[in-house]
Structure formats: structure tokens, C-alpha cells
PDB file of N, CA and C in Angstrom:
ATOM      1  N   GLY A   1      39.060   3.018 -11.305  1.00  0.00           N
ATOM      2  CA  GLY A   1      40.298   2.501 -11.842  1.00  0.00           C
ATOM      3  C   GLY A   1      41.502   3.381 -12.317  1.00  0.00           C
ATOM      4  N   GLU A   2      41.695   3.525 -13.140  1.00  0.00           N
ATOM      5  CA  GLU A   2      42.694   4.028 -14.215  1.00  0.00           C
ATOM      6  C   GLU A   2      42.302   5.335 -14.039  1.00  0.00           C
ATOM      7  N   TYR A   3      41.136   6.347 -14.264  1.00  0.00           N
ATOM      8  CA  TYR A   3      40.811   7.622 -14.083  1.00  0.00           C
ATOM      9  C   TYR A   3      40.313   8.094 -13.473  1.00  0.00           C
ATOM     10  N   ALA A   4      40.189   9.590 -13.034  1.00  0.00           N
ATOM     11  CA  ALA A   4      40.043  10.191 -11.955  1.00  0.00           C
ATOM     12  C   ALA A   4      38.313  10.592 -11.891  1.00  0.00           C
ATOM     13  N   THR A   5      38.195  10.913 -13.501  1.00  0.00           N
ATOM     14  CA  THR A   5      36.989  11.744 -13.736  1.00  0.00           C
ATOM     15  C   THR A   5      36.798  11.348 -14.920  1.00  0.00           C
ATOM     16  N   GLU A   6      35.371  11.878 -15.095  1.00  0.00           N
ATOM     17  CA  GLU A   6      34.574  11.126 -16.158  1.00  0.00           C
ATOM     18  C   GLU A   6      35.552  11.959 -17.587  1.00  0.00           C
ATOM     19  N   SER A   7      35.530  13.173 -16.884  1.00  0.00           N
ATOM     20  CA  SER A   7      36.314  13.988 -17.911  1.00  0.00           C
ATOM     21  C   SER A   7      37.684  13.507 -18.624  1.00  0.00           C
ATOM     22  N   GLU A   8      38.103  13.050 -17.616  1.00  0.00           N
ATOM     23  CA  GLU A   8      39.489  12.257 -18.219  1.00  0.00           C
ATOM     24  C   GLU A   8      39.069  11.242 -19.196  1.00  0.00           C
ATOM     25  N   VAL A   9      38.386  10.400 -19.043  1.00  0.00           N
ATOM     26  CA  VAL A   9      38.038   9.207 -19.795  1.00  0.00           C
ATOM     27  C   VAL A   9      37.783   9.832 -20.850  1.00  0.00           C
ATOM     28  N   ILE A  10      36.786  10.897 -21.023  1.00  0.00           N
ATOM     29  CA  ILE A  10      36.434  11.457 -22.523  1.00  0.00           C
ATOM     30  C   ILE A  10      37.462  12.048 -23.205  1.00  0.00           C
ATOM     31  N   ARG A  11      38.163  12.706 -22.392  1.00  0.00           N
ATOM     32  CA  ARG A  11      39.709  13.556 -23.091  1.00  0.00           C
ATOM     33  C   ARG A  11      40.650  12.616 -23.450  1.00  0.00           C
ATOM     34  N   ASP A  12      40.553  11.099 -22.670  1.00  0.00           N
ATOM     35  CA  ASP A  12      41.530  10.393 -23.240  1.00  0.00           C
ATOM     36  C   ASP A  12      40.907   9.503 -24.920  1.00  0.00           C
ATOM     37  N   GLY A  13      39.436   9.669 -24.711  1.00  0.00           N
ATOM     38  CA  GLY A  13      38.917   8.867 -25.878  1.00  0.00           C
ATOM     39  C   GLY A  13      39.013   9.383 -26.977  1.00  0.00           C
ATOM     40  N   LEU A  14      38.933  10.866 -26.630  1.00  0.00           N
ATOM     41  CA  LEU A  14      39.210  11.688 -28.023  1.00  0.00           C
ATOM     42  C   LEU A  14      40.216  12.023 -28.639  1.00  0.00           C
ATOM     43  N   ARG A  15      41.553  11.941 -27.515  1.00  0.00           N
ATOM     44  CA  ARG A  15      42.698  11.866 -27.959  1.00  0.00           C
ATOM     45  C   ARG A  15      42.830  10.667 -28.922  1.00  0.00           C
ATOM     46  N   ALA A  16      42.838   9.497 -28.575  1.00  0.00           N
ATOM     47  CA  ALA A  16      42.279   8.169 -29.113  1.00  0.00           C
ATOM     48  C   ALA A  16      41.929   8.166 -30.738  1.00  0.00           C
ATOM     49  N   LEU A  17      40.575   8.949 -30.823  1.00  0.00           N
ATOM     50  CA  LEU A  17      40.263   9.363 -31.984  1.00  0.00           C
ATOM     51  C   LEU A  17      40.969   9.968 -32.867  1.00  0.00           C
ATOM     52  N   MET A  18      41.765  11.239 -32.361  1.00  0.00           N
ATOM     53  CA  MET A  18      42.003  12.279 -33.323  1.00  0.00           C
ATOM     54  C   MET A  18      43.594  11.200 -33.838  1.00  0.00           C
ATOM     55  N   ALA A  19      44.038  10.513 -33.141  1.00  0.00           N
ATOM     56  CA  ALA A  19      45.160  10.175 -33.290  1.00  0.00           C
ATOM     57  C   ALA A  19      44.688   8.554 -34.432  1.00  0.00           C
ATOM     58  N   ARG A  20      43.963   8.138 -34.426  1.00  0.00           N
ATOM     59  CA  ARG A  20      43.326   7.348 -35.234  1.00  0.00           C
ATOM     60  C   ARG A  20      42.864   8.423 -36.786  1.00  0.00           C
ATOM     61  N   ASP A  21      42.177   9.120 -36.268  1.00  0.00           N
ATOM     62  CA  ASP A  21      41.769  10.411 -37.735  1.00  0.00           C
ATOM     63  C   ASP A  21      43.083  10.404 -38.333  1.00  0.00           C
ATOM     64  N   ARG A  22      44.234  10.917 -37.707  1.00  0.00           N
ATOM     65  CA  ARG A  22      45.508  11.480 -38.117  1.00  0.00           C
ATOM     66  C   ARG A  22      45.870  10.264 -38.988  1.00  0.00           C
ATOM     67  N   ALA A  23      46.024   8.723 -38.474  1.00  0.00           N
ATOM     68  CA  ALA A  23      46.606   7.863 -38.958  1.00  0.00           C
ATOM     69  C   ALA A  23      45.893   7.422 -40.244  1.00  0.00           C
ATOM     70  N   VAL A  24      44.640   7.707 -40.400  1.00  0.00           N
ATOM     71  CA  VAL A  24      43.994   7.254 -41.557  1.00  0.00           C
ATOM     72  C   VAL A  24      44.072   8.198 -42.797  1.00  0.00           C
ATOM     73  N   ASP A  25      44.062   9.781 -42.092  1.00  0.00           N
ATOM     74  CA  ASP A  25      44.568  10.867 -42.974  1.00  0.00           C
ATOM     75  C   ASP A  25      45.854  10.444 -43.669  1.00  0.00           C
ATOM     76  N   ASN A  26      46.791  10.313 -43.010  1.00  0.00           N
ATOM     77  CA  ASN A  26      48.439  10.184 -43.516  1.00  0.00           C
ATOM     78  C   ASN A  26      47.843   8.652 -44.569  1.00  0.00           C
ATOM     79  N   TRP A  27      47.398   7.635 -44.325  1.00  0.00           N
ATOM     80  CA  TRP A  27      47.260   6.555 -44.987  1.00  0.00           C
ATOM     81  C   TRP A  27      46.735   6.800 -46.418  1.00  0.00           C
ATOM     82  N   LEU A  28      45.724   7.864 -46.334  1.00  0.00           N
ATOM     83  CA  LEU A  28      44.972   8.283 -47.447  1.00  0.00           C
ATOM     84  C   LEU A  28      45.958   8.975 -48.590  1.00  0.00           C
ATOM     85  N   MET A  29      46.745   9.968 -47.949  1.00  0.00           N
ATOM     86  CA  MET A  29      47.478  10.930 -48.493  1.00  0.00           C
ATOM     87  C   MET A  29      48.494  10.108 -48.898  1.00  0.00           C
ATOM     88  N   GLN A  30      49.525   9.241 -48.042  1.00  0.00           N
ATOM     89  CA  GLN A  30      50.277   8.942 -48.431  1.00  0.00           C
ATOM     90  C   GLN A  30      50.585   7.376 -49.538  1.00  0.00           C
ATOM     91  N   GLU A  31      49.542   6.576 -49.030  1.00  0.00           N
ATOM     92  CA  GLU A  31      49.401   5.415 -50.004  1.00  0.00           C
ATOM     93  C   GLU A  31      47.833   5.518 -50.933  1.00  0.00           C
ATOM     94  N   VAL A  32      46.887   5.505 -50.690  1.00  0.00           N
ATOM     95  CA  VAL A  32      46.044   5.684 -51.174  1.00  0.00           C
ATOM     96  C   VAL A  32      45.791   6.279 -52.697  1.00  0.00           C
ATOM     97  N   GLY A  33      45.997   7.588 -52.265  1.00  0.00           N
ATOM     98  CA  GLY A  33      45.972   8.571 -53.248  1.00  0.00           C
ATOM     99  C   GLY A  33      47.141   8.691 -54.403  1.00  0.00           C
ATOM    100  N   PRO A  34      48.257   8.362 -53.986  1.00  0.00           N
ATOM    101  CA  PRO A  34      49.090   8.030 -54.937  1.00  0.00           C
ATOM    102  C   PRO A  34      48.635   6.557 -55.853  1.00  0.00           C
ATOM    103  N   ALA A  35      48.318   5.850 -55.222  1.00  0.00           N
ATOM    104  CA  ALA A  35      47.978   4.348 -55.975  1.00  0.00           C
ATOM    105  C   ALA A  35      46.591   4.916 -56.817  1.00  0.00           C
ATOM    106  N   TYR A  36      45.996   5.680 -56.761  1.00  0.00           N
ATOM    107  CA  TYR A  36      45.101   6.190 -57.385  1.00  0.00           C
ATOM    108  C   TYR A  36      45.369   6.577 -58.609  1.00  0.00           C
ATOM    109  N   ASP A  37      46.012   7.513 -58.208  1.00  0.00           N
ATOM    110  CA  ASP A  37      46.759   8.483 -59.530  1.00  0.00           C
ATOM    111  C   ASP A  37      47.132   7.621 -60.239  1.00  0.00           C
ATOM    112  N   ALA A  38      48.100   6.752 -59.878  1.00  0.00           N
ATOM    113  CA  ALA A  38      49.254   5.618 -60.872  1.00  0.00           C
ATOM    114  C   ALA A  38      47.884   4.733 -61.413  1.00  0.00           C
ATOM    115  N   LEU A  39      46.916   4.348 -61.139  1.00  0.00           N
ATOM    116  CA  LEU A  39      45.891   3.713 -61.813  1.00  0.00           C
ATOM    117  C   LEU A  39      45.513   4.442 -62.845  1.00  0.00           C
ATOM    118  N   LYS A  40      44.942   5.730 -62.745  1.00  0.00           N
ATOM    119  CA  LYS A  40      44.231   6.661 -63.229  1.00  0.00           C
ATOM    120  C   LYS A  40      45.532   7.064 -64.431  1.00  0.00           C
ATOM    121  N   ALA A  41      46.258   7.218 -64.365  1.00  0.00           N
ATOM    122  CA  ALA A  41      47.466   7.178 -65.304  1.00  0.00           C
ATOM    123  C   ALA A  41      47.488   6.367 -66.296  1.00  0.00           C
ATOM    124  N   ASN A  42      47.453   5.012 -65.714  1.00  0.00           N
ATOM    125  CA  ASN A  42      47.865   3.920 -66.274  1.00  0.00           C
ATOM    126  C   ASN A  42      46.995   2.955 -66.102  1.00  0.00           C
ATOM    127  N   PRO A  43      45.354   2.670 -66.967  1.00  0.00           N
ATOM    128  CA  PRO A  43      44.463   1.807 -66.375  1.00  0.00           C
ATOM    129  C   PRO A  43      44.673   0.615 -66.596  1.00  0.00           C
ATOM    130  N   ALA A  44      45.933   0.154 -67.486  1.00  0.00           N
ATOM    131  CA  ALA A  44      46.057  -1.265 -67.787  1.00  0.00           C
ATOM    132  C   ALA A  44      47.062  -1.826 -66.554  1.00  0.00           C
ATOM    133  N   ARG A  45      47.281  -0.879 -65.251  1.00  0.00           N
ATOM    134  CA  ARG A  45      47.831  -1.778 -64.271  1.00  0.00           C
ATOM    135  C   ARG A  45      46.788  -2.420 -63.342  1.00  0.00           C
ATOM    136  N   ALA A  46      45.581  -2.159 -63.688  1.00  0.00           N
ATOM    137  CA  ALA A  46      44.480  -2.845 -62.980  1.00  0.00           C
ATOM    138  C   ALA A  46      44.026  -4.091 -63.041  1.00  0.00           C
ATOM    139  N   VAL A  47      43.583  -4.887 -62.564  1.00  0.00           N
ATOM    140  CA  VAL A  47      43.493  -6.174 -62.396  1.00  0.00           C
ATOM    141  C   VAL A  47      42.097  -6.232 -62.269  1.00  0.00           C
ATOM    142  N   THR A  48      41.557  -7.692 -62.663  1.00  0.00           N
ATOM    143  CA  THR A  48      40.087  -7.596 -62.521  1.00  0.00           C
ATOM    144  C   THR A  48      39.744  -8.657 -61.638  1.00  0.00           C
ATOM    145  N   VAL A  49      38.678  -8.776 -61.230  1.00  0.00           N
ATOM    146  CA  VAL A  49      38.083  -9.462 -59.997  1.00  0.00           C
ATOM    147  C   VAL A  49      38.247 -10.891 -59.900  1.00  0.00           C
ATOM    148  N   ASP A  50      38.474 -11.593 -61.348  1.00  0.00           N
ATOM    149  CA  ASP A  50      38.995 -12.829 -61.469  1.00  0.00           C
ATOM    150  C   ASP A  50      40.173 -13.190 -61.345  1.00  0.00           C
ATOM    151  N   GLN A  51      41.040 -11.936 -61.997  1.00  0.00           N
ATOM    152  CA  GLN A  51      42.684 -12.205 -61.780  1.00  0.00           C
ATOM    153  C   GLN A  51      42.781 -12.109 -60.119  1.00  0.00           C
ATOM    154  N   LEU A  52      42.347 -10.853 -59.368  1.00  0.00           N
ATOM    155  CA  LEU A  52      42.330 -10.589 -58.120  1.00  0.00           C
ATOM    156  C   LEU A  52      42.076 -12.501 -57.254  1.00  0.00           C
ATOM    157  N   ARG A  53      40.832 -12.740 -57.688  1.00  0.00           N
ATOM    158  CA  ARG A  53      40.719 -14.052 -57.063  1.00  0.00           C
ATOM    159  C   ARG A  53      41.387 -15.461 -57.290  1.00  0.00           C
ATOM    160  N   ALA A  54      41.824 -15.276 -58.250  1.00  0.00           N
ATOM    161  CA  ALA A  54      43.195 -16.420 -58.889  1.00  0.00           C
ATOM    162  C   ALA A  54      44.318 -16.365 -57.705  1.00  0.00           C
ATOM    163  N   ALA A  55      44.916 -14.835 -57.619  1.00  0.00           N
ATOM    164  CA  ALA A  55      46.037 -14.523 -57.307  1.00  0.00           C
ATOM    165  C   ALA A  55      45.735 -15.091 -55.949  1.00  0.00           C
ATOM    166  N   LEU A  56      44.620 -14.480 -55.293  1.00  0.00           N
ATOM    167  CA  LEU A  56      44.431 -15.053 -53.836  1.00  0.00           C
ATOM    168  C   LEU A  56      44.387 -16.362 -53.134  1.00  0.00           C
ATOM    169  N   ALA A  57      43.786 -17.092 -54.233  1.00  0.00           N
ATOM    170  CA  ALA A  57      43.795 -18.502 -54.309  1.00  0.00           C
ATOM    171  C   ALA A  57      45.165 -18.762 -54.306  1.00  0.00           C
ATOM    172  N   ALA A  58      46.065 -18.655 -55.212  1.00  0.00           N
ATOM    173  CA  ALA A  58      47.079 -19.390 -55.158  1.00  0.00           C
ATOM    174  C   ALA A  58      48.339 -18.733 -53.990  1.00  0.00           C
ATOM    175  N   GLU A  59      47.465 -17.678 -53.592  1.00  0.00           N
ATOM    176  CA  GLU A  59      48.539 -17.178 -52.159  1.00  0.00           C
ATOM    177  C   GLU A  59      48.188 -18.300 -50.895  1.00  0.00           C
ATOM    178  N   HIS A  60      46.702 -18.593 -50.957  1.00  0.00           N
ATOM    179  CA  HIS A  60      46.354 -19.403 -49.865  1.00  0.00           C
ATOM    180  C   HIS A  60      47.043 -20.830 -50.363  1.00  0.00           C
ATOM    181  N   LYS A  61      46.718 -21.515 -51.175  1.00  0.00           N
ATOM    182  CA  LYS A  61      47.422 -22.725 -51.567  1.00  0.00           C
ATOM    183  C   LYS A  61      48.709 -22.777 -51.172  1.00  0.00           C
ATOM    184  N   LYS A  62      49.665 -21.419 -51.337  1.00  0.00           N
ATOM    185  CA  LYS A  62      51.114 -21.722 -51.216  1.00  0.00           C
ATOM    186  C   LYS A  62      51.375 -22.207 -49.502  1.00  0.00           C
ATOM    187  N   ALA A  63      50.382 -20.827 -49.156  1.00  0.00           N
ATOM    188  CA  ALA A  63      50.566 -21.033 -47.483  1.00  0.00           C
ATOM    189  C   ALA A  63      50.008 -22.023 -47.053  1.00  0.00           C
ATOM    190  N   LYS A  64      49.337 -23.151 -47.407  1.00  0.00           N
ATOM    191  CA  LYS A  64      48.494 -24.611 -46.992  1.00  0.00           C
ATOM    192  C   LYS A  64      49.926 -25.124 -47.366  1.00  0.00           C
ATOM    193  N   ALA A  65      50.646 -25.149 -48.473  1.00  0.00           N
ATOM    194  CA  ALA A  65      51.502 -26.051 -48.776  1.00  0.00           C
ATOM    195  C   ALA A  65      52.810 -25.999 -47.964  1.00  0.00           C
ATOM    196  N   THR A  66      53.107 -24.789 -47.007  1.00  0.00           N
ATOM    197  CA  THR A  66      54.210 -24.474 -46.398  1.00  0.00           C
ATOM    198  C   THR A  66      54.119 -24.675 -44.867  1.00  0.00           C
ATOM    199  N   THR A  67      52.985 -25.393 -44.348  1.00  0.00           N
ATOM    200  CA  THR A  67      52.270 -25.149 -43.144  1.00  0.00           C
ATOM    201  C   THR A  67      52.185 -27.146 -43.068  1.00  0.00           C
TER     202      THR A  67
END
């Protein structure tokens, strides 16, 4: 097929894994870290599990109503 040798397959797979790792690292640094820091600085921003479930149920109900 697409690759001439096994080493090309391995190289391509390693490139894909490295790209995924970079994407995860960027996500952690740009989104998760700041969100954690904001929550730690102001714990009142947190929601309980029950609040989250209620919000998700409301979104689900709203989405079903529009379809």
C-alpha cells in the first residue's frame, strides 16, 4: 500500500503520536491550567454534581424540544 517499508509506517505512527502529545500539552497549558487556577482562586465558581446534572438535563431537554 501506502508505505514502502515498515520503518515508514513506524515513523508515521510516531509523528502522529508526537502531534497528539503536543495537542494534549497545549490543551493542558492553555485551558486546563488556567481553569484550575481560576477555580482555586475562587472556589465559589465550582458547581456541585447535582447542579451539573441538572444543567445537562436542561440542555438535553432543550435540544430534544428543538428537533
